[in-house]
């Protein structure tokens, strides 16, 4: 029952905001895999990198992670998303969906 116009992982994240933000420095692998923008390889790189030190925003960028998609859903040593970041994304997504017109709309 996820929105078919949105990436499935993003749709799940927006439908379940209680699971976010995720702390990249302590979260288990299973929880990291639910973050939009993080795939299996990125999660492996994060798990390996955080053994050496606490991850910061610059570290995540160097791991070739799409930082714009990830930041609203994660906590880092130097980043904490706004308290309502996920709720704002939900509202924005809803507004975009309402603006979408039909290709064959007569109006």
PDB file of N, CA and C in Angstrom:
ATOM      1  N   UNK A   1       0.815  -1.182   0.000  1.00  0.00           N
ATOM      2  CA  UNK A   1       0.000   0.000   0.000  1.00  0.00           C
ATOM      3  C   UNK A   1       0.872   1.265   0.000  1.00  0.00           C
ATOM      4  N   UNK A   2       1.991   1.236  -0.706  1.00  0.00           N
ATOM      5  CA  UNK A   2       2.863   2.395  -0.791  1.00  0.00           C
ATOM      6  C   UNK A   2       2.559   3.194  -2.047  1.00  0.00           C
ATOM      7  N   UNK A   3       2.910   4.458  -2.016  1.00  0.00           N
ATOM      8  CA  UNK A   3       2.732   5.348  -3.153  1.00  0.00           C
ATOM      9  C   UNK A   3       3.596   4.861  -4.314  1.00  0.00           C
ATOM     10  N   UNK A   4       2.993   4.609  -5.454  1.00  0.00           N
ATOM     11  CA  UNK A   4       3.718   4.077  -6.602  1.00  0.00           C
ATOM     12  C   UNK A   4       4.488   5.146  -7.364  1.00  0.00           C
ATOM     13  N   UNK A   5       4.247   6.416  -7.069  1.00  0.00           N
ATOM     14  CA  UNK A   5       4.950   7.496  -7.742  1.00  0.00           C
ATOM     15  C   UNK A   5       6.269   7.852  -7.066  1.00  0.00           C
ATOM     16  N   UNK A   6       6.569   7.195  -5.963  1.00  0.00           N
ATOM     17  CA  UNK A   6       7.747   7.509  -5.165  1.00  0.00           C
ATOM     18  C   UNK A   6       8.584   6.245  -5.014  1.00  0.00           C
ATOM     19  N   UNK A   7       9.895   6.430  -4.871  1.00  0.00           N
ATOM     20  CA  UNK A   7      10.791   5.321  -4.580  1.00  0.00           C
ATOM     21  C   UNK A   7      10.239   4.539  -3.379  1.00  0.00           C
ATOM     22  N   UNK A   8      10.177   3.216  -3.456  1.00  0.00           N
ATOM     23  CA  UNK A   8       9.566   2.430  -2.366  1.00  0.00           C
ATOM     24  C   UNK A   8      10.189   2.674  -0.994  1.00  0.00           C
ATOM     25  N   UNK A   9      11.498   2.826  -0.945  1.00  0.00           N
ATOM     26  CA  UNK A   9      12.141   3.054   0.348  1.00  0.00           C
ATOM     27  C   UNK A   9      11.761   4.423   0.906  1.00  0.00           C
ATOM     28  N   UNK A  10      11.699   5.430   0.055  1.00  0.00           N
ATOM     29  CA  UNK A  10      11.285   6.760   0.481  1.00  0.00           C
ATOM     30  C   UNK A  10       9.821   6.750   0.903  1.00  0.00           C
ATOM     31  N   UNK A  11       8.972   6.053   0.155  1.00  0.00           N
ATOM     32  CA  UNK A  11       7.552   5.967   0.509  1.00  0.00           C
ATOM     33  C   UNK A  11       7.379   5.323   1.880  1.00  0.00           C
ATOM     34  N   UNK A  12       8.149   4.265   2.158  1.00  0.00           N
ATOM     35  CA  UNK A  12       8.061   3.606   3.465  1.00  0.00           C
ATOM     36  C   UNK A  12       8.532   4.553   4.562  1.00  0.00           C
ATOM     37  N   UNK A  13       9.621   5.259   4.309  1.00  0.00           N
ATOM     38  CA  UNK A  13      10.159   6.186   5.310  1.00  0.00           C
ATOM     39  C   UNK A  13       9.167   7.306   5.609  1.00  0.00           C
ATOM     40  N   UNK A  14       8.522   7.823   4.578  1.00  0.00           N
ATOM     41  CA  UNK A  14       7.548   8.888   4.783  1.00  0.00           C
ATOM     42  C   UNK A  14       6.296   8.387   5.492  1.00  0.00           C
ATOM     43  N   UNK A  15       5.949   7.122   5.274  1.00  0.00           N
ATOM     44  CA  UNK A  15       4.775   6.538   5.926  1.00  0.00           C
ATOM     45  C   UNK A  15       5.073   6.126   7.368  1.00  0.00           C
ATOM     46  N   UNK A  16       6.355   6.021   7.730  1.00  0.00           N
ATOM     47  CA  UNK A  16       6.751   5.571   9.067  1.00  0.00           C
ATOM     48  C   UNK A  16       7.749   6.537   9.704  1.00  0.00           C
ATOM     49  N   UNK A  17       7.369   7.777   9.927  1.00  0.00           N
ATOM     50  CA  UNK A  17       8.315   8.764  10.452  1.00  0.00           C
ATOM     51  C   UNK A  17       8.791   8.477  11.876  1.00  0.00           C
ATOM     52  N   UNK A  18       8.108   7.610  12.585  1.00  0.00           N
ATOM     53  CA  UNK A  18       8.513   7.286  13.953  1.00  0.00           C
ATOM     54  C   UNK A  18       9.850   6.548  13.997  1.00  0.00           C
ATOM     55  N   UNK A  19      10.307   6.000  12.883  1.00  0.00           N
ATOM     56  CA  UNK A  19      11.577   5.272  12.830  1.00  0.00           C
ATOM     57  C   UNK A  19      12.766   6.183  12.526  1.00  0.00           C
ATOM     58  N   UNK A  20      12.526   7.473  12.366  1.00  0.00           N
ATOM     59  CA  UNK A  20      13.582   8.395  11.970  1.00  0.00           C
ATOM     60  C   UNK A  20      13.637   9.569  12.923  1.00  0.00           C
ATOM     61  N   UNK A  21      14.777  10.224  13.063  1.00  0.00           N
ATOM     62  CA  UNK A  21      16.045  10.029  12.389  1.00  0.00           C
ATOM     63  C   UNK A  21      16.834   8.860  12.969  1.00  0.00           C
ATOM     64  N   UNK A  22      17.713   8.317  12.154  1.00  0.00           N
ATOM     65  CA  UNK A  22      18.572   7.188  12.510  1.00  0.00           C
ATOM     66  C   UNK A  22      19.979   7.732  12.751  1.00  0.00           C
ATOM     67  N   UNK A  23      20.605   7.327  13.844  1.00  0.00           N
ATOM     68  CA  UNK A  23      21.976   7.746  14.129  1.00  0.00           C
ATOM     69  C   UNK A  23      22.933   6.829  13.370  1.00  0.00           C
ATOM     70  N   UNK A  24      23.622   7.386  12.368  1.00  0.00           N
ATOM     71  CA  UNK A  24      24.522   6.573  11.542  1.00  0.00           C
ATOM     72  C   UNK A  24      25.687   6.012  12.333  1.00  0.00           C
ATOM     73  N   UNK A  25      25.987   6.574  13.481  1.00  0.00           N
ATOM     74  CA  UNK A  25      27.136   6.121  14.259  1.00  0.00           C
ATOM     75  C   UNK A  25      26.823   4.941  15.174  1.00  0.00           C
ATOM     76  N   UNK A  26      25.560   4.634  15.414  1.00  0.00           N
ATOM     77  CA  UNK A  26      25.236   3.545  16.337  1.00  0.00           C
ATOM     78  C   UNK A  26      24.166   2.581  15.823  1.00  0.00           C
ATOM     79  N   UNK A  27      23.449   2.947  14.783  1.00  0.00           N
ATOM     80  CA  UNK A  27      22.328   2.124  14.308  1.00  0.00           C
ATOM     81  C   UNK A  27      22.823   0.795  13.739  1.00  0.00           C
ATOM     82  N   UNK A  28      22.052  -0.274  13.942  1.00  0.00           N
ATOM     83  CA  UNK A  28      22.416  -1.562  13.355  1.00  0.00           C
ATOM     84  C   UNK A  28      22.206  -1.562  11.837  1.00  0.00           C
ATOM     85  N   UNK A  29      22.822  -2.524  11.191  1.00  0.00           N
ATOM     86  CA  UNK A  29      22.778  -2.631   9.733  1.00  0.00           C
ATOM     87  C   UNK A  29      21.346  -2.642   9.205  1.00  0.00           C
ATOM     88  N   UNK A  30      20.462  -3.379   9.842  1.00  0.00           N
ATOM     89  CA  UNK A  30      19.079  -3.499   9.378  1.00  0.00           C
ATOM     90  C   UNK A  30      18.370  -2.144   9.379  1.00  0.00           C
ATOM     91  N   UNK A  31      18.668  -1.330  10.367  1.00  0.00           N
ATOM     92  CA  UNK A  31      18.047  -0.015  10.451  1.00  0.00           C
ATOM     93  C   UNK A  31      18.643   0.926   9.402  1.00  0.00           C
ATOM     94  N   UNK A  32      19.933   0.830   9.162  1.00  0.00           N
ATOM     95  CA  UNK A  32      20.583   1.660   8.152  1.00  0.00           C
ATOM     96  C   UNK A  32      20.040   1.364   6.756  1.00  0.00           C
ATOM     97  N   UNK A  33      19.720   0.113   6.491  1.00  0.00           N
ATOM     98  CA  UNK A  33      19.214  -0.264   5.172  1.00  0.00           C
ATOM     99  C   UNK A  33      17.840   0.337   4.876  1.00  0.00           C
ATOM    100  N   UNK A  34      17.138   0.817   5.876  1.00  0.00           N
ATOM    101  CA  UNK A  34      15.822   1.432   5.677  1.00  0.00           C
ATOM    102  C   UNK A  34      15.905   2.915   5.338  1.00  0.00           C
ATOM    103  N   UNK A  35      17.080   3.500   5.472  1.00  0.00           N
ATOM    104  CA  UNK A  35      17.243   4.931   5.205  1.00  0.00           C
ATOM    105  C   UNK A  35      17.239   5.173   3.693  1.00  0.00           C
ATOM    106  N   UNK A  36      16.366   6.063   3.209  1.00  0.00           N
ATOM    107  CA  UNK A  36      16.362   6.382   1.778  1.00  0.00           C
ATOM    108  C   UNK A  36      17.718   6.933   1.342  1.00  0.00           C
ATOM    109  N   UNK A  37      18.233   6.414   0.250  1.00  0.00           N
ATOM    110  CA  UNK A  37      19.527   6.845  -0.268  1.00  0.00           C
ATOM    111  C   UNK A  37      20.672   5.943   0.121  1.00  0.00           C
ATOM    112  N   UNK A  38      20.460   5.056   1.090  1.00  0.00           N
ATOM    113  CA  UNK A  38      21.516   4.136   1.502  1.00  0.00           C
ATOM    114  C   UNK A  38      21.233   2.749   0.947  1.00  0.00           C
ATOM    115  N   UNK A  39      22.151   2.260   0.144  1.00  0.00           N
ATOM    116  CA  UNK A  39      22.053   0.908  -0.377  1.00  0.00           C
ATOM    117  C   UNK A  39      22.987  -0.011   0.388  1.00  0.00           C
ATOM    118  N   UNK A  40      23.078  -1.231  -0.058  1.00  0.00           N
ATOM    119  CA  UNK A  40      23.893  -2.245   0.625  1.00  0.00           C
ATOM    120  C   UNK A  40      25.362  -1.831   0.668  1.00  0.00           C
ATOM    121  N   UNK A  41      25.903  -1.376  -0.458  1.00  0.00           N
ATOM    122  CA  UNK A  41      27.317  -0.991  -0.484  1.00  0.00           C
ATOM    123  C   UNK A  41      27.589   0.215   0.405  1.00  0.00           C
ATOM    124  N   UNK A  42      26.714   1.194   0.370  1.00  0.00           N
ATOM    125  CA  UNK A  42      26.896   2.384   1.207  1.00  0.00           C
ATOM    126  C   UNK A  42      26.844   2.013   2.681  1.00  0.00           C
ATOM    127  N   UNK A  43      25.928   1.137   3.054  1.00  0.00           N
ATOM    128  CA  UNK A  43      25.820   0.711   4.447  1.00  0.00           C
ATOM    129  C   UNK A  43      27.085  -0.030   4.868  1.00  0.00           C
ATOM    130  N   UNK A  44      27.625  -0.865   4.001  1.00  0.00           N
ATOM    131  CA  UNK A  44      28.879  -1.567   4.321  1.00  0.00           C
ATOM    132  C   UNK A  44      30.010  -0.571   4.534  1.00  0.00           C
ATOM    133  N   UNK A  45      30.083   0.453   3.685  1.00  0.00           N
ATOM    134  CA  UNK A  45      31.120   1.472   3.831  1.00  0.00           C
ATOM    135  C   UNK A  45      30.941   2.243   5.132  1.00  0.00           C
ATOM    136  N   UNK A  46      29.696   2.552   5.486  1.00  0.00           N
ATOM    137  CA  UNK A  46      29.424   3.275   6.728  1.00  0.00           C
ATOM    138  C   UNK A  46      29.827   2.436   7.930  1.00  0.00           C
ATOM    139  N   UNK A  47      29.452   1.173   7.935  1.00  0.00           N
ATOM    140  CA  UNK A  47      29.798   0.300   9.053  1.00  0.00           C
ATOM    141  C   UNK A  47      31.313   0.190   9.224  1.00  0.00           C
ATOM    142  N   UNK A  48      32.023   0.124   8.112  1.00  0.00           N
ATOM    143  CA  UNK A  48      33.483   0.027   8.182  1.00  0.00           C
ATOM    144  C   UNK A  48      34.100   1.346   8.637  1.00  0.00           C
ATOM    145  N   UNK A  49      33.606   2.459   8.124  1.00  0.00           N
ATOM    146  CA  UNK A  49      34.167   3.769   8.460  1.00  0.00           C
ATOM    147  C   UNK A  49      33.915   4.143   9.915  1.00  0.00           C
ATOM    148  N   UNK A  50      32.779   3.780  10.453  1.00  0.00           N
ATOM    149  CA  UNK A  50      32.473   4.198  11.820  1.00  0.00           C
ATOM    150  C   UNK A  50      33.242   3.399  12.869  1.00  0.00           C
ATOM    151  N   UNK A  51      33.936   2.350  12.446  1.00  0.00           N
ATOM    152  CA  UNK A  51      34.816   1.632  13.385  1.00  0.00           C
ATOM    153  C   UNK A  51      35.995   2.507  13.787  1.00  0.00           C
ATOM    154  N   UNK A  52      36.433   3.365  12.861  1.00  0.00           N
ATOM    155  CA  UNK A  52      37.602   4.204  13.105  1.00  0.00           C
ATOM    156  C   UNK A  52      37.256   5.460  13.904  1.00  0.00           C
ATOM    157  N   UNK A  53      36.099   6.073  13.617  1.00  0.00           N
ATOM    158  CA  UNK A  53      35.713   7.292  14.324  1.00  0.00           C
ATOM    159  C   UNK A  53      34.243   7.592  14.087  1.00  0.00           C
ATOM    160  N   UNK A  54      33.733   8.581  14.839  1.00  0.00           N
ATOM    161  CA  UNK A  54      32.346   9.009  14.658  1.00  0.00           C
ATOM    162  C   UNK A  54      32.214   9.709  13.322  1.00  0.00           C
ATOM    163  N   UNK A  55      31.189   9.353  12.577  1.00  0.00           N
ATOM    164  CA  UNK A  55      30.988   9.915  11.247  1.00  0.00           C
ATOM    165  C   UNK A  55      30.418  11.321  11.320  1.00  0.00           C
ATOM    166  N   UNK A  56      30.909  12.162  10.418  1.00  0.00           N
ATOM    167  CA  UNK A  56      30.435  13.522  10.266  1.00  0.00           C
ATOM    168  C   UNK A  56      29.881  13.663   8.856  1.00  0.00           C
ATOM    169  N   UNK A  57      29.273  14.791   8.572  1.00  0.00           N
ATOM    170  CA  UNK A  57      28.658  15.000   7.265  1.00  0.00           C
ATOM    171  C   UNK A  57      29.685  14.871   6.131  1.00  0.00           C
ATOM    172  N   UNK A  58      30.861  15.413   6.300  1.00  0.00           N
ATOM    173  CA  UNK A  58      31.909  15.306   5.287  1.00  0.00           C
ATOM    174  C   UNK A  58      32.328  13.868   5.034  1.00  0.00           C
ATOM    175  N   UNK A  59      32.363  13.060   6.090  1.00  0.00           N
ATOM    176  CA  UNK A  59      32.716  11.648   5.937  1.00  0.00           C
ATOM    177  C   UNK A  59      31.691  10.925   5.082  1.00  0.00           C
ATOM    178  N   UNK A  60      30.434  11.214   5.317  1.00  0.00           N
ATOM    179  CA  UNK A  60      29.360  10.563   4.563  1.00  0.00           C
ATOM    180  C   UNK A  60      29.428  10.973   3.097  1.00  0.00           C
ATOM    181  N   UNK A  61      29.738  12.236   2.830  1.00  0.00           N
ATOM    182  CA  UNK A  61      29.880  12.685   1.440  1.00  0.00           C
ATOM    183  C   UNK A  61      31.022  11.952   0.747  1.00  0.00           C
ATOM    184  N   UNK A  62      32.128  11.751   1.453  1.00  0.00           N
ATOM    185  CA  UNK A  62      33.275  11.038   0.863  1.00  0.00           C
ATOM    186  C   UNK A  62      32.960   9.566   0.588  1.00  0.00           C
ATOM    187  N   UNK A  63      31.956   9.027   1.255  1.00  0.00           N
ATOM    188  CA  UNK A  63      31.560   7.634   1.023  1.00  0.00           C
ATOM    189  C   UNK A  63      30.642   7.507  -0.193  1.00  0.00           C
ATOM    190  N   UNK A  64      30.476   8.593  -0.927  1.00  0.00           N
ATOM    191  CA  UNK A  64      29.648   8.624  -2.139  1.00  0.00           C
ATOM    192  C   UNK A  64      28.193   8.250  -1.846  1.00  0.00           C
ATOM    193  N   UNK A  65      27.652   8.897  -0.859  1.00  0.00           N
ATOM    194  CA  UNK A  65      26.253   8.715  -0.471  1.00  0.00           C
ATOM    195  C   UNK A  65      25.489   9.949  -0.943  1.00  0.00           C
ATOM    196  N   UNK A  66      24.284   9.782  -1.521  1.00  0.00           N
ATOM    197  CA  UNK A  66      23.500  10.953  -1.937  1.00  0.00           C
ATOM    198  C   UNK A  66      23.042  11.748  -0.716  1.00  0.00           C
ATOM    199  N   UNK A  67      23.846  12.686  -0.318  1.00  0.00           N
ATOM    200  CA  UNK A  67      23.674  13.391   0.947  1.00  0.00           C
ATOM    201  C   UNK A  67      22.339  14.118   1.050  1.00  0.00           C
ATOM    202  N   UNK A  68      21.838  14.645  -0.059  1.00  0.00           N
ATOM    203  CA  UNK A  68      20.562  15.349  -0.039  1.00  0.00           C
ATOM    204  C   UNK A  68      19.388  14.452   0.306  1.00  0.00           C
ATOM    205  N   UNK A  69      19.453  13.196  -0.110  1.00  0.00           N
ATOM    206  CA  UNK A  69      18.367  12.248   0.193  1.00  0.00           C
ATOM    207  C   UNK A  69      18.490  11.686   1.593  1.00  0.00           C
ATOM    208  N   UNK A  70      19.712  11.615   2.104  1.00  0.00           N
ATOM    209  CA  UNK A  70      19.968  10.949   3.379  1.00  0.00           C
ATOM    210  C   UNK A  70      19.785  11.877   4.582  1.00  0.00           C
ATOM    211  N   UNK A  71      20.248  13.122   4.472  1.00  0.00           N
ATOM    212  CA  UNK A  71      20.292  14.016   5.636  1.00  0.00           C
ATOM    213  C   UNK A  71      18.981  14.199   6.390  1.00  0.00           C
ATOM    214  N   UNK A  72      17.816  14.280   5.740  1.00  0.00           N
ATOM    215  CA  UNK A  72      16.592  14.452   6.540  1.00  0.00           C
ATOM    216  C   UNK A  72      16.265  13.252   7.438  1.00  0.00           C
ATOM    217  N   UNK A  73      16.920  12.125   7.190  1.00  0.00           N
ATOM    218  CA  UNK A  73      16.568  10.897   7.902  1.00  0.00           C
ATOM    219  C   UNK A  73      17.643  10.419   8.870  1.00  0.00           C
ATOM    220  N   UNK A  74      18.763  11.148   8.990  1.00  0.00           N
ATOM    221  CA  UNK A  74      19.871  10.659   9.819  1.00  0.00           C
ATOM    222  C   UNK A  74      20.398  11.720  10.777  1.00  0.00           C
ATOM    223  N   UNK A  75      21.077  11.214  11.824  1.00  0.00           N
ATOM    224  CA  UNK A  75      21.795  12.038  12.787  1.00  0.00           C
ATOM    225  C   UNK A  75      23.270  11.694  12.639  1.00  0.00           C
ATOM    226  N   UNK A  76      24.110  12.723  12.607  1.00  0.00           N
ATOM    227  CA  UNK A  76      25.557  12.545  12.539  1.00  0.00           C
ATOM    228  C   UNK A  76      26.189  13.333  13.682  1.00  0.00           C
ATOM    229  N   UNK A  77      27.505  13.222  13.830  1.00  0.00           N
ATOM    230  CA  UNK A  77      28.190  13.950  14.901  1.00  0.00           C
ATOM    231  C   UNK A  77      28.004  15.451  14.761  1.00  0.00           C
ATOM    232  N   UNK A  78      27.905  15.953  13.527  1.00  0.00           N
ATOM    233  CA  UNK A  78      27.763  17.391  13.306  1.00  0.00           C
ATOM    234  C   UNK A  78      26.463  17.761  12.594  1.00  0.00           C
ATOM    235  N   UNK A  79      25.499  16.872  12.580  1.00  0.00           N
ATOM    236  CA  UNK A  79      24.226  17.146  11.904  1.00  0.00           C
ATOM    237  C   UNK A  79      23.074  16.506  12.661  1.00  0.00           C
ATOM    238  N   UNK A  80      22.055  17.290  12.864  1.00  0.00           N
ATOM    239  CA  UNK A  80      20.805  16.790  13.434  1.00  0.00           C
ATOM    240  C   UNK A  80      19.690  17.424  12.613  1.00  0.00           C
ATOM    241  N   UNK A  81      18.823  16.611  11.980  1.00  0.00           N
ATOM    242  CA  UNK A  81      17.766  17.200  11.150  1.00  0.00           C
ATOM    243  C   UNK A  81      16.787  18.008  11.992  1.00  0.00           C
ATOM    244  N   UNK A  82      16.124  18.932  11.337  1.00  0.00           N
ATOM    245  CA  UNK A  82      15.103  19.718  12.021  1.00  0.00           C
ATOM    246  C   UNK A  82      14.070  18.761  12.611  1.00  0.00           C
ATOM    247  N   UNK A  83      13.474  19.107  13.746  1.00  0.00           N
ATOM    248  CA  UNK A  83      12.534  18.195  14.407  1.00  0.00           C
ATOM    249  C   UNK A  83      11.409  17.698  13.501  1.00  0.00           C
ATOM    250  N   UNK A  84      10.977  18.502  12.570  1.00  0.00           N
ATOM    251  CA  UNK A  84       9.871  18.097  11.705  1.00  0.00           C
ATOM    252  C   UNK A  84      10.326  17.879  10.263  1.00  0.00           C
ATOM    253  N   UNK A  85      11.575  17.486  10.043  1.00  0.00           N
ATOM    254  CA  UNK A  85      12.102  17.334   8.676  1.00  0.00           C
ATOM    255  C   UNK A  85      11.316  16.295   7.889  1.00  0.00           C
ATOM    256  N   UNK A  86      11.032  15.153   8.486  1.00  0.00           N
ATOM    257  CA  UNK A  86      10.304  14.091   7.777  1.00  0.00           C
ATOM    258  C   UNK A  86       8.859  14.528   7.540  1.00  0.00           C
ATOM    259  N   UNK A  87       8.250  15.187   8.526  1.00  0.00           N
ATOM    260  CA  UNK A  87       6.874  15.663   8.351  1.00  0.00           C
ATOM    261  C   UNK A  87       6.802  16.690   7.229  1.00  0.00           C
ATOM    262  N   UNK A  88       7.819  17.536   7.110  1.00  0.00           N
ATOM    263  CA  UNK A  88       7.868  18.509   6.023  1.00  0.00           C
ATOM    264  C   UNK A  88       7.952  17.802   4.680  1.00  0.00           C
ATOM    265  N   UNK A  89       8.760  16.747   4.592  1.00  0.00           N
ATOM    266  CA  UNK A  89       8.851  15.977   3.348  1.00  0.00           C
ATOM    267  C   UNK A  89       7.514  15.338   2.996  1.00  0.00           C
ATOM    268  N   UNK A  90       6.796  14.857   3.995  1.00  0.00           N
ATOM    269  CA  UNK A  90       5.482  14.256   3.755  1.00  0.00           C
ATOM    270  C   UNK A  90       4.532  15.299   3.180  1.00  0.00           C
ATOM    271  N   UNK A  91       4.525  16.496   3.761  1.00  0.00           N
ATOM    272  CA  UNK A  91       3.652  17.565   3.256  1.00  0.00           C
ATOM    273  C   UNK A  91       4.043  17.981   1.846  1.00  0.00           C
ATOM    274  N   UNK A  92       5.351  18.106   1.590  1.00  0.00           N
ATOM    275  CA  UNK A  92       5.809  18.478   0.252  1.00  0.00           C
ATOM    276  C   UNK A  92       5.411  17.427  -0.766  1.00  0.00           C
ATOM    277  N   UNK A  93       5.550  16.166  -0.393  1.00  0.00           N
ATOM    278  CA  UNK A  93       5.197  15.079  -1.302  1.00  0.00           C
ATOM    279  C   UNK A  93       3.704  15.112  -1.584  1.00  0.00           C
ATOM    280  N   UNK A  94       2.897  15.389  -0.576  1.00  0.00           N
ATOM    281  CA  UNK A  94       1.448  15.482  -0.764  1.00  0.00           C
ATOM    282  C   UNK A  94       1.069  16.634  -1.666  1.00  0.00           C
ATOM    283  N   UNK A  95       1.736  17.763  -1.512  1.00  0.00           N
ATOM    284  CA  UNK A  95       1.450  18.920  -2.364  1.00  0.00           C
ATOM    285  C   UNK A  95       1.838  18.633  -3.807  1.00  0.00           C
ATOM    286  N   UNK A  96       2.956  17.946  -4.005  1.00  0.00           N
ATOM    287  CA  UNK A  96       3.380  17.597  -5.359  1.00  0.00           C
ATOM    288  C   UNK A  96       2.401  16.632  -5.999  1.00  0.00           C
ATOM    289  N   UNK A  97       1.899  15.693  -5.219  1.00  0.00           N
ATOM    290  CA  UNK A  97       0.959  14.714  -5.758  1.00  0.00           C
ATOM    291  C   UNK A  97      -0.348  15.389  -6.167  1.00  0.00           C
ATOM    292  N   UNK A  98      -0.766  16.410  -5.421  1.00  0.00           N
ATOM    293  CA  UNK A  98      -1.998  17.107  -5.747  1.00  0.00           C
ATOM    294  C   UNK A  98      -1.849  17.952  -7.000  1.00  0.00           C
ATOM    295  N   UNK A  99      -0.650  18.407  -7.326  1.00  0.00           N
ATOM    296  CA  UNK A  99      -0.419  19.235  -8.493  1.00  0.00           C
ATOM    297  C   UNK A  99      -0.292  18.413  -9.771  1.00  0.00           C
ATOM    298  N   UNK A 100      -0.038  17.148  -9.637  1.00  0.00           N
ATOM    299  CA  UNK A 100       0.155  16.288 -10.805  1.00  0.00           C
ATOM    300  C   UNK A 100      -1.141  16.200 -11.606  1.00  0.00           C
ATOM    301  N   UNK A 101      -1.063  16.584 -12.846  1.00  0.00           N
ATOM    302  CA  UNK A 101      -2.236  16.526 -13.703  1.00  0.00           C
ATOM    303  C   UNK A 101      -2.297  15.212 -14.474  1.00  0.00           C
ATOM    304  N   UNK A 102      -3.445  14.958 -15.043  1.00  0.00           N
ATOM    305  CA  UNK A 102      -3.646  13.766 -15.838  1.00  0.00           C
ATOM    306  C   UNK A 102      -3.315  14.088 -17.302  1.00  0.00           C
ATOM    307  N   UNK A 103      -2.631  13.177 -17.957  1.00  0.00           N
ATOM    308  CA  UNK A 103      -2.227  13.369 -19.338  1.00  0.00           C
ATOM    309  C   UNK A 103      -3.422  13.556 -20.246  1.00  0.00           C
ATOM    310  N   UNK A 104      -4.512  12.889 -19.936  1.00  0.00           N
ATOM    311  CA  UNK A 104      -5.695  12.922 -20.790  1.00  0.00           C
ATOM    312  C   UNK A 104      -6.823  13.736 -20.179  1.00  0.00           C
ATOM    313  N   UNK A 105      -6.485  14.613 -19.221  1.00  0.00           N
ATOM    314  CA  UNK A 105      -7.477  15.446 -18.565  1.00  0.00           C
ATOM    315  C   UNK A 105      -8.068  16.432 -19.577  1.00  0.00           C
ATOM    316  N   UNK A 106      -9.376  16.565 -19.605  1.00  0.00           N
ATOM    317  CA  UNK A 106     -10.074  17.409 -20.581  1.00  0.00           C
ATOM    318  C   UNK A 106      -9.945  18.887 -20.270  1.00  0.00           C
ATOM    319  N   UNK A 107      -9.615  19.238 -19.016  1.00  0.00           N
ATOM    320  CA  UNK A 107      -9.569  20.660 -18.661  1.00  0.00           C
ATOM    321  C   UNK A 107      -8.315  21.331 -19.098  1.00  0.00           C
TER     322      UNK A 107
END
